[in-house]
Protein backbone atom coordinates (compact mmCIF):
# COMPACT_ATOMS: atom_id res chain seq x y z
CA UNK A 1 0.00 0.00 0.00
CA UNK A 2 1.02 3.58 -0.65
CA UNK A 3 2.04 5.71 2.29
CA UNK A 4 0.86 9.30 2.24
CA UNK A 5 3.30 11.97 3.30
CA UNK A 6 2.27 14.09 6.27
CA UNK A 7 2.39 17.33 4.25
CA UNK A 8 1.45 18.24 0.75
CA UNK A 9 4.35 19.67 -1.26
CA UNK A 10 1.95 22.07 -2.98
CA UNK A 11 0.62 23.31 0.36
CA UNK A 12 4.16 23.67 1.69
CA UNK A 13 5.17 25.65 -1.39
CA UNK A 14 2.21 28.00 -0.97
CA UNK A 15 3.01 28.54 2.69
CA UNK A 16 6.73 29.05 2.02
CA UNK A 17 6.36 30.98 -1.22
CA UNK A 18 8.64 30.48 -4.22
CA UNK A 19 12.28 31.31 -3.46
CA UNK A 20 12.99 31.82 -7.17
CA UNK A 21 10.58 34.80 -7.07
CA UNK A 22 12.88 36.68 -4.66
CA UNK A 23 14.81 38.19 -7.57
CA UNK A 24 11.64 39.86 -8.87
CA UNK A 25 10.78 41.81 -5.70
CA UNK A 26 11.09 45.55 -6.39
CA UNK A 27 10.40 48.93 -4.79
CA UNK A 28 6.74 49.92 -4.84
CA UNK A 29 5.37 46.42 -4.22
CA UNK A 30 2.96 46.01 -1.31
CA UNK A 31 3.77 43.84 1.70
CA UNK A 32 0.91 41.44 0.88
CA UNK A 33 2.21 40.81 -2.63
CA UNK A 34 5.70 40.08 -1.30
CA UNK A 35 4.24 37.68 1.25
CA UNK A 36 2.17 35.94 -1.44
CA UNK A 37 5.12 35.59 -3.82
CA UNK A 38 7.96 34.59 -1.51
CA UNK A 39 6.32 33.74 1.81
CA UNK A 40 7.12 34.87 5.34
CA UNK A 41 10.64 36.08 6.12
CA UNK A 42 13.15 34.12 8.16
CA UNK A 43 13.98 37.22 10.22
CA UNK A 44 11.94 40.40 10.79
CA UNK A 45 13.07 43.59 12.47
CA UNK A 46 11.22 46.84 13.04
CA UNK A 47 7.51 47.06 12.40
CA UNK A 48 5.02 46.73 15.29
CA UNK A 49 4.31 50.41 15.71
CA UNK A 50 7.26 51.54 13.61
CA UNK A 51 6.63 52.42 10.03
CA UNK A 52 9.87 50.89 8.68
CA UNK A 53 10.47 47.14 8.84
CA UNK A 54 13.16 44.86 7.41
CA UNK A 55 12.50 41.29 6.26
CA UNK A 56 15.44 38.95 5.70
CA UNK A 57 15.31 35.73 3.69
CA UNK A 58 18.14 33.22 4.16
CA UNK A 59 19.62 31.19 1.27
CA UNK A 60 17.57 28.11 0.31
CA UNK A 61 17.79 25.56 -2.54
CA UNK A 62 15.48 27.62 -4.81
CA UNK A 63 17.66 30.72 -4.25
CA UNK A 64 21.05 29.34 -3.20
CA UNK A 65 23.88 31.38 -1.70
CA UNK A 66 21.78 34.55 -1.72
CA UNK A 67 20.66 36.55 1.31
CA UNK A 68 17.70 38.76 0.39
CA UNK A 69 16.69 41.74 2.53
CA UNK A 70 13.49 43.66 1.81
CA UNK A 71 12.84 47.02 3.52
CA UNK A 72 9.27 48.29 3.88
CA UNK A 73 8.01 51.76 4.73
CA UNK A 74 4.31 51.83 5.69
CA UNK A 75 3.67 48.54 3.89
CA UNK A 76 5.50 49.27 0.61
CA UNK A 77 8.90 48.03 -0.50
CA UNK A 78 11.45 50.86 -0.54
CA UNK A 79 14.64 48.81 -0.91
CA UNK A 80 15.72 45.30 -1.92
CA UNK A 81 19.23 44.05 -1.26
CA UNK A 82 20.55 40.71 -2.50
CA UNK A 83 23.96 39.55 -1.29
CA UNK A 84 25.76 36.45 -2.55
CA UNK A 85 27.02 34.43 0.43
CA UNK A 86 29.97 32.07 -0.08
């Protein structure tokens, strides 16, 4: 008999977003669109009463060796930084 996995890969991809989409994040995008495209950040600083927040995405197989930092001001992307990590 077939054994079902505990999680659906499609559901996991939707929850985690698509790491390959990280390169297409640009200033002017809304926070919700970033979340929908690439999922929740690994690290978040700022926000919670502050208008500027910084989301950091660590390297993963779909976006290897690249640290992506997205800076938001009142819910809109104002800066995207991508650093190659070796």
